[in-house]
PDB file of N, CA and C in Angstrom:
ATOM      1  N   UNK A   1      -2.016   3.647 -15.348  1.00  0.00           N
ATOM      2  CA  UNK A   1      -1.569   2.683 -14.342  1.00  0.00           C
ATOM      3  C   UNK A   1      -0.598   3.361 -13.387  1.00  0.00           C
ATOM      4  N   UNK A   2      -0.629   2.903 -12.176  1.00  0.00           N
ATOM      5  CA  UNK A   2       0.284   3.426 -11.160  1.00  0.00           C
ATOM      6  C   UNK A   2       1.112   2.293 -10.575  1.00  0.00           C
ATOM      7  N   UNK A   3       2.297   2.629 -10.104  1.00  0.00           N
ATOM      8  CA  UNK A   3       3.153   1.670  -9.410  1.00  0.00           C
ATOM      9  C   UNK A   3       2.741   1.666  -7.942  1.00  0.00           C
ATOM     10  N   UNK A   4       2.512   0.481  -7.394  1.00  0.00           N
ATOM     11  CA  UNK A   4       2.065   0.340  -6.007  1.00  0.00           C
ATOM     12  C   UNK A   4       3.097  -0.387  -5.165  1.00  0.00           C
ATOM     13  N   UNK A   5       3.126   0.005  -3.898  1.00  0.00           N
ATOM     14  CA  UNK A   5       4.048  -0.567  -2.917  1.00  0.00           C
ATOM     15  C   UNK A   5       3.301  -0.804  -1.611  1.00  0.00           C
ATOM     16  N   UNK A   6       3.789  -1.754  -0.826  1.00  0.00           N
ATOM     17  CA  UNK A   6       3.245  -1.947   0.515  1.00  0.00           C
ATOM     18  C   UNK A   6       4.366  -1.681   1.517  1.00  0.00           C
ATOM     19  N   UNK A   7       4.005  -1.015   2.591  1.00  0.00           N
ATOM     20  CA  UNK A   7       4.953  -0.682   3.648  1.00  0.00           C
ATOM     21  C   UNK A   7       5.265  -1.944   4.448  1.00  0.00           C
ATOM     22  N   UNK A   8       6.554  -2.262   4.615  1.00  0.00           N
ATOM     23  CA  UNK A   8       6.966  -3.408   5.417  1.00  0.00           C
ATOM     24  C   UNK A   8       6.678  -3.181   6.900  1.00  0.00           C
ATOM     25  N   UNK A   9       6.652  -1.922   7.301  1.00  0.00           N
ATOM     26  CA  UNK A   9       6.410  -1.577   8.705  1.00  0.00           C
ATOM     27  C   UNK A   9       4.923  -1.330   8.917  1.00  0.00           C
ATOM     28  N   UNK A  10       4.357  -2.018   9.882  1.00  0.00           N
ATOM     29  CA  UNK A  10       2.936  -1.850  10.176  1.00  0.00           C
ATOM     30  C   UNK A  10       2.686  -0.548  10.936  1.00  0.00           C
ATOM     31  N   UNK A  11       1.484  -0.011  10.747  1.00  0.00           N
ATOM     32  CA  UNK A  11       1.032   1.137  11.530  1.00  0.00           C
ATOM     33  C   UNK A  11       0.771   0.652  12.965  1.00  0.00           C
ATOM     34  N   UNK A  12       0.470   1.570  13.865  1.00  0.00           N
ATOM     35  CA  UNK A  12       0.195   1.198  15.255  1.00  0.00           C
ATOM     36  C   UNK A  12      -0.955   0.198  15.379  1.00  0.00           C
ATOM     37  N   UNK A  13      -1.907   0.261  14.444  1.00  0.00           N
ATOM     38  CA  UNK A  13      -3.062  -0.646  14.497  1.00  0.00           C
ATOM     39  C   UNK A  13      -2.798  -1.977  13.789  1.00  0.00           C
ATOM     40  N   UNK A  14      -1.598  -2.153  13.243  1.00  0.00           N
ATOM     41  CA  UNK A  14      -1.225  -3.397  12.577  1.00  0.00           C
ATOM     42  C   UNK A  14      -1.360  -3.388  11.069  1.00  0.00           C
ATOM     43  N   UNK A  15      -1.925  -2.316  10.492  1.00  0.00           N
ATOM     44  CA  UNK A  15      -2.089  -2.219   9.040  1.00  0.00           C
ATOM     45  C   UNK A  15      -0.756  -2.006   8.334  1.00  0.00           C
ATOM     46  N   UNK A  16      -0.594  -2.695   7.203  1.00  0.00           N
ATOM     47  CA  UNK A  16       0.505  -2.433   6.278  1.00  0.00           C
ATOM     48  C   UNK A  16      -0.133  -1.643   5.137  1.00  0.00           C
ATOM     49  N   UNK A  17       0.261  -0.388   4.979  1.00  0.00           N
ATOM     50  CA  UNK A  17      -0.406   0.492   4.023  1.00  0.00           C
ATOM     51  C   UNK A  17       0.154   0.361   2.609  1.00  0.00           C
ATOM     52  N   UNK A  18      -0.772   0.463   1.647  1.00  0.00           N
ATOM     53  CA  UNK A  18      -0.439   0.421   0.222  1.00  0.00           C
ATOM     54  C   UNK A  18      -0.345   1.860  -0.285  1.00  0.00           C
ATOM     55  N   UNK A  19       0.757   2.159  -1.003  1.00  0.00           N
ATOM     56  CA  UNK A  19       1.030   3.508  -1.512  1.00  0.00           C
ATOM     57  C   UNK A  19       1.373   3.460  -2.999  1.00  0.00           C
ATOM     58  N   UNK A  20       1.268   4.614  -3.642  1.00  0.00           N
ATOM     59  CA  UNK A  20       1.695   4.758  -5.031  1.00  0.00           C
ATOM     60  C   UNK A  20       2.969   5.601  -5.092  1.00  0.00           C
ATOM     61  N   UNK A  21       3.665   5.493  -6.215  1.00  0.00           N
ATOM     62  CA  UNK A  21       4.835   6.327  -6.452  1.00  0.00           C
ATOM     63  C   UNK A  21       4.420   7.794  -6.355  1.00  0.00           C
ATOM     64  N   UNK A  22       5.220   8.610  -5.699  1.00  0.00           N
ATOM     65  CA  UNK A  22       4.933  10.032  -5.583  1.00  0.00           C
ATOM     66  C   UNK A  22       4.159  10.406  -4.338  1.00  0.00           C
ATOM     67  N   UNK A  23       3.650   9.432  -3.607  1.00  0.00           N
ATOM     68  CA  UNK A  23       2.918   9.722  -2.376  1.00  0.00           C
ATOM     69  C   UNK A  23       3.873  10.303  -1.331  1.00  0.00           C
ATOM     70  N   UNK A  24       3.429  11.317  -0.628  1.00  0.00           N
ATOM     71  CA  UNK A  24       4.244  11.932   0.429  1.00  0.00           C
ATOM     72  C   UNK A  24       4.554  10.952   1.553  1.00  0.00           C
ATOM     73  N   UNK A  25       3.724   9.917   1.704  1.00  0.00           N
ATOM     74  CA  UNK A  25       3.888   8.943   2.789  1.00  0.00           C
ATOM     75  C   UNK A  25       4.533   7.646   2.315  1.00  0.00           C
ATOM     76  N   UNK A  26       5.009   7.597   1.067  1.00  0.00           N
ATOM     77  CA  UNK A  26       5.669   6.398   0.544  1.00  0.00           C
ATOM     78  C   UNK A  26       6.911   6.097   1.384  1.00  0.00           C
ATOM     79  N   UNK A  27       7.022   4.876   1.898  1.00  0.00           N
ATOM     80  CA  UNK A  27       8.184   4.535   2.728  1.00  0.00           C
ATOM     81  C   UNK A  27       9.486   4.531   1.925  1.00  0.00           C
ATOM     82  N   UNK A  28      10.585   4.607   2.649  1.00  0.00           N
ATOM     83  CA  UNK A  28      11.911   4.507   2.036  1.00  0.00           C
ATOM     84  C   UNK A  28      12.027   3.163   1.311  1.00  0.00           C
ATOM     85  N   UNK A  29      12.926   3.088   0.336  1.00  0.00           N
ATOM     86  CA  UNK A  29      13.096   1.895  -0.502  1.00  0.00           C
ATOM     87  C   UNK A  29      13.268   0.627   0.336  1.00  0.00           C
ATOM     88  N   UNK A  30      14.039   0.697   1.406  1.00  0.00           N
ATOM     89  CA  UNK A  30      14.305  -0.500   2.217  1.00  0.00           C
ATOM     90  C   UNK A  30      13.114  -0.895   3.102  1.00  0.00           C
ATOM     91  N   UNK A  31      12.084  -0.054   3.165  1.00  0.00           N
ATOM     92  CA  UNK A  31      10.906  -0.339   3.993  1.00  0.00           C
ATOM     93  C   UNK A  31       9.643  -0.607   3.181  1.00  0.00           C
ATOM     94  N   UNK A  32       9.804  -0.961   1.911  1.00  0.00           N
ATOM     95  CA  UNK A  32       8.625  -1.211   1.083  1.00  0.00           C
ATOM     96  C   UNK A  32       8.859  -2.394   0.147  1.00  0.00           C
ATOM     97  N   UNK A  33       7.744  -2.970  -0.315  1.00  0.00           N
ATOM     98  CA  UNK A  33       7.753  -4.066  -1.276  1.00  0.00           C
ATOM     99  C   UNK A  33       6.983  -3.595  -2.505  1.00  0.00           C
ATOM    100  N   UNK A  34       7.600  -3.719  -3.660  1.00  0.00           N
ATOM    101  CA  UNK A  34       6.942  -3.355  -4.916  1.00  0.00           C
ATOM    102  C   UNK A  34       5.873  -4.396  -5.220  1.00  0.00           C
ATOM    103  N   UNK A  35       4.657  -3.951  -5.476  1.00  0.00           N
ATOM    104  CA  UNK A  35       3.540  -4.853  -5.752  1.00  0.00           C
ATOM    105  C   UNK A  35       3.258  -5.002  -7.236  1.00  0.00           C
ATOM    106  N   UNK A  36       3.562  -3.976  -8.028  1.00  0.00           N
ATOM    107  CA  UNK A  36       3.302  -4.019  -9.458  1.00  0.00           C
ATOM    108  C   UNK A  36       2.581  -2.770  -9.931  1.00  0.00           C
ATOM    109  N   UNK A  37       2.247  -2.745 -11.221  1.00  0.00           N
ATOM    110  CA  UNK A  37       1.506  -1.642 -11.830  1.00  0.00           C
ATOM    111  C   UNK A  37       0.040  -2.059 -11.954  1.00  0.00           C
ATOM    112  N   UNK A  38      -0.845  -1.222 -11.439  1.00  0.00           N
ATOM    113  CA  UNK A  38      -2.275  -1.540 -11.442  1.00  0.00           C
ATOM    114  C   UNK A  38      -3.087  -0.318 -11.829  1.00  0.00           C
ATOM    115  N   UNK A  39      -4.297  -0.572 -12.335  1.00  0.00           N
ATOM    116  CA  UNK A  39      -5.233   0.498 -12.682  1.00  0.00           C
ATOM    117  C   UNK A  39      -5.970   1.014 -11.463  1.00  0.00           C
ATOM    118  N   UNK A  40      -6.001   0.231 -10.385  1.00  0.00           N
ATOM    119  CA  UNK A  40      -6.707   0.653  -9.177  1.00  0.00           C
ATOM    120  C   UNK A  40      -6.013   0.088  -7.948  1.00  0.00           C
ATOM    121  N   UNK A  41      -6.308   0.690  -6.818  1.00  0.00           N
ATOM    122  CA  UNK A  41      -5.708   0.230  -5.571  1.00  0.00           C
ATOM    123  C   UNK A  41      -6.271  -1.128  -5.143  1.00  0.00           C
ATOM    124  N   UNK A  42      -7.457  -1.480  -5.629  1.00  0.00           N
ATOM    125  CA  UNK A  42      -8.064  -2.752  -5.222  1.00  0.00           C
ATOM    126  C   UNK A  42      -7.172  -3.943  -5.563  1.00  0.00           C
ATOM    127  N   UNK A  43      -6.637  -3.955  -6.761  1.00  0.00           N
ATOM    128  CA  UNK A  43      -5.750  -5.044  -7.183  1.00  0.00           C
ATOM    129  C   UNK A  43      -4.454  -5.018  -6.383  1.00  0.00           C
ATOM    130  N   UNK A  44      -3.959  -3.830  -6.080  1.00  0.00           N
ATOM    131  CA  UNK A  44      -2.718  -3.701  -5.307  1.00  0.00           C
ATOM    132  C   UNK A  44      -2.915  -4.200  -3.872  1.00  0.00           C
ATOM    133  N   UNK A  45      -4.056  -3.876  -3.277  1.00  0.00           N
ATOM    134  CA  UNK A  45      -4.349  -4.355  -1.915  1.00  0.00           C
ATOM    135  C   UNK A  45      -4.447  -5.880  -1.910  1.00  0.00           C
ATOM    136  N   UNK A  46      -5.082  -6.436  -2.914  1.00  0.00           N
ATOM    137  CA  UNK A  46      -5.190  -7.903  -3.019  1.00  0.00           C
ATOM    138  C   UNK A  46      -3.798  -8.530  -3.092  1.00  0.00           C
ATOM    139  N   UNK A  47      -2.921  -7.947  -3.905  1.00  0.00           N
ATOM    140  CA  UNK A  47      -1.547  -8.445  -4.031  1.00  0.00           C
ATOM    141  C   UNK A  47      -0.800  -8.304  -2.705  1.00  0.00           C
ATOM    142  N   UNK A  48      -0.988  -7.184  -1.996  1.00  0.00           N
ATOM    143  CA  UNK A  48      -0.314  -6.949  -0.715  1.00  0.00           C
ATOM    144  C   UNK A  48      -0.725  -7.989   0.322  1.00  0.00           C
ATOM    145  N   UNK A  49      -1.960  -8.512   0.201  1.00  0.00           N
ATOM    146  CA  UNK A  49      -2.434  -9.523   1.155  1.00  0.00           C
ATOM    147  C   UNK A  49      -1.730 -10.862   0.975  1.00  0.00           C
ATOM    148  N   UNK A  50      -0.948 -11.006  -0.106  1.00  0.00           N
ATOM    149  CA  UNK A  50      -0.093 -12.187  -0.257  1.00  0.00           C
ATOM    150  C   UNK A  50       1.112 -12.081   0.676  1.00  0.00           C
ATOM    151  N   UNK A  51       1.418 -10.865   1.118  1.00  0.00           N
ATOM    152  CA  UNK A  51       2.554 -10.628   2.014  1.00  0.00           C
ATOM    153  C   UNK A  51       2.125 -10.447   3.464  1.00  0.00           C
ATOM    154  N   UNK A  52       1.009  -9.768   3.673  1.00  0.00           N
ATOM    155  CA  UNK A  52       0.524  -9.426   5.017  1.00  0.00           C
ATOM    156  C   UNK A  52      -0.984  -9.652   5.091  1.00  0.00           C
ATOM    157  N   UNK A  53      -1.449 -10.114   6.236  1.00  0.00           N
ATOM    158  CA  UNK A  53      -2.891 -10.365   6.376  1.00  0.00           C
ATOM    159  C   UNK A  53      -3.682  -9.088   6.640  1.00  0.00           C
ATOM    160  N   UNK A  54      -3.039  -8.105   7.274  1.00  0.00           N
ATOM    161  CA  UNK A  54      -3.728  -6.854   7.596  1.00  0.00           C
ATOM    162  C   UNK A  54      -3.176  -5.737   6.713  1.00  0.00           C
ATOM    163  N   UNK A  55      -3.963  -5.354   5.705  1.00  0.00           N
ATOM    164  CA  UNK A  55      -3.537  -4.379   4.700  1.00  0.00           C
ATOM    165  C   UNK A  55      -4.598  -3.291   4.579  1.00  0.00           C
ATOM    166  N   UNK A  56      -4.164  -2.071   4.302  1.00  0.00           N
ATOM    167  CA  UNK A  56      -5.079  -0.948   4.126  1.00  0.00           C
ATOM    168  C   UNK A  56      -4.496  -0.020   3.065  1.00  0.00           C
ATOM    169  N   UNK A  57      -5.352   0.662   2.329  1.00  0.00           N
ATOM    170  CA  UNK A  57      -4.898   1.669   1.374  1.00  0.00           C
ATOM    171  C   UNK A  57      -4.533   2.951   2.095  1.00  0.00           C
ATOM    172  N   UNK A  58      -3.546   3.637   1.607  1.00  0.00           N
ATOM    173  CA  UNK A  58      -3.146   4.934   2.160  1.00  0.00           C
ATOM    174  C   UNK A  58      -4.298   5.935   2.003  1.00  0.00           C
ATOM    175  N   UNK A  59      -4.561   6.683   3.042  1.00  0.00           N
ATOM    176  CA  UNK A  59      -5.632   7.687   3.018  1.00  0.00           C
ATOM    177  C   UNK A  59      -5.391   8.726   1.931  1.00  0.00           C
ATOM    178  N   UNK A  60      -4.138   9.024   1.628  1.00  0.00           N
ATOM    179  CA  UNK A  60      -3.797  10.103   0.701  1.00  0.00           C
ATOM    180  C   UNK A  60      -3.674   9.655  -0.753  1.00  0.00           C
ATOM    181  N   UNK A  61      -3.069   8.505  -1.012  1.00  0.00           N
ATOM    182  CA  UNK A  61      -2.845   8.108  -2.408  1.00  0.00           C
ATOM    183  C   UNK A  61      -3.677   6.916  -2.856  1.00  0.00           C
ATOM    184  N   UNK A  62      -4.280   6.189  -1.916  1.00  0.00           N
ATOM    185  CA  UNK A  62      -5.109   5.024  -2.257  1.00  0.00           C
ATOM    186  C   UNK A  62      -6.419   5.108  -1.474  1.00  0.00           C
ATOM    187  N   UNK A  63      -6.997   6.289  -1.491  1.00  0.00           N
ATOM    188  CA  UNK A  63      -8.163   6.588  -0.648  1.00  0.00           C
ATOM    189  C   UNK A  63      -9.348   5.653  -0.902  1.00  0.00           C
ATOM    190  N   UNK A  64      -9.538   5.211  -2.150  1.00  0.00           N
ATOM    191  CA  UNK A  64     -10.649   4.303  -2.453  1.00  0.00           C
ATOM    192  C   UNK A  64     -10.533   2.978  -1.698  1.00  0.00           C
ATOM    193  N   UNK A  65      -9.324   2.632  -1.276  1.00  0.00           N
ATOM    194  CA  UNK A  65      -9.092   1.363  -0.574  1.00  0.00           C
ATOM    195  C   UNK A  65      -8.815   1.570   0.907  1.00  0.00           C
ATOM    196  N   UNK A  66      -8.919   2.809   1.365  1.00  0.00           N
ATOM    197  CA  UNK A  66      -8.660   3.102   2.778  1.00  0.00           C
ATOM    198  C   UNK A  66      -9.911   2.837   3.606  1.00  0.00           C
ATOM    199  N   UNK A  67      -9.730   2.105   4.695  1.00  0.00           N
ATOM    200  CA  UNK A  67     -10.812   1.890   5.655  1.00  0.00           C
ATOM    201  C   UNK A  67     -10.371   2.473   6.985  1.00  0.00           C
ATOM    202  N   UNK A  68     -11.307   2.996   7.751  1.00  0.00           N
ATOM    203  CA  UNK A  68     -10.939   3.636   9.015  1.00  0.00           C
ATOM    204  C   UNK A  68     -10.607   2.648  10.095  1.00  0.00           C
TER     205      UNK A  68
END
């Protein structure tokens, strides 16, 4: 299981990206929301959609959930 977070700050396209602990692109503590521990990014993205309507997986740490 991995710990997942969503970035409070949207990307230029409006996406709030989901990251795991240890990701080089993980936002600072004050710019992220802890989503929980999950076996896959799919569950973390679903949880992040409770906070933001436009969510995407990080290309680097949640690639299975990343859409272009």
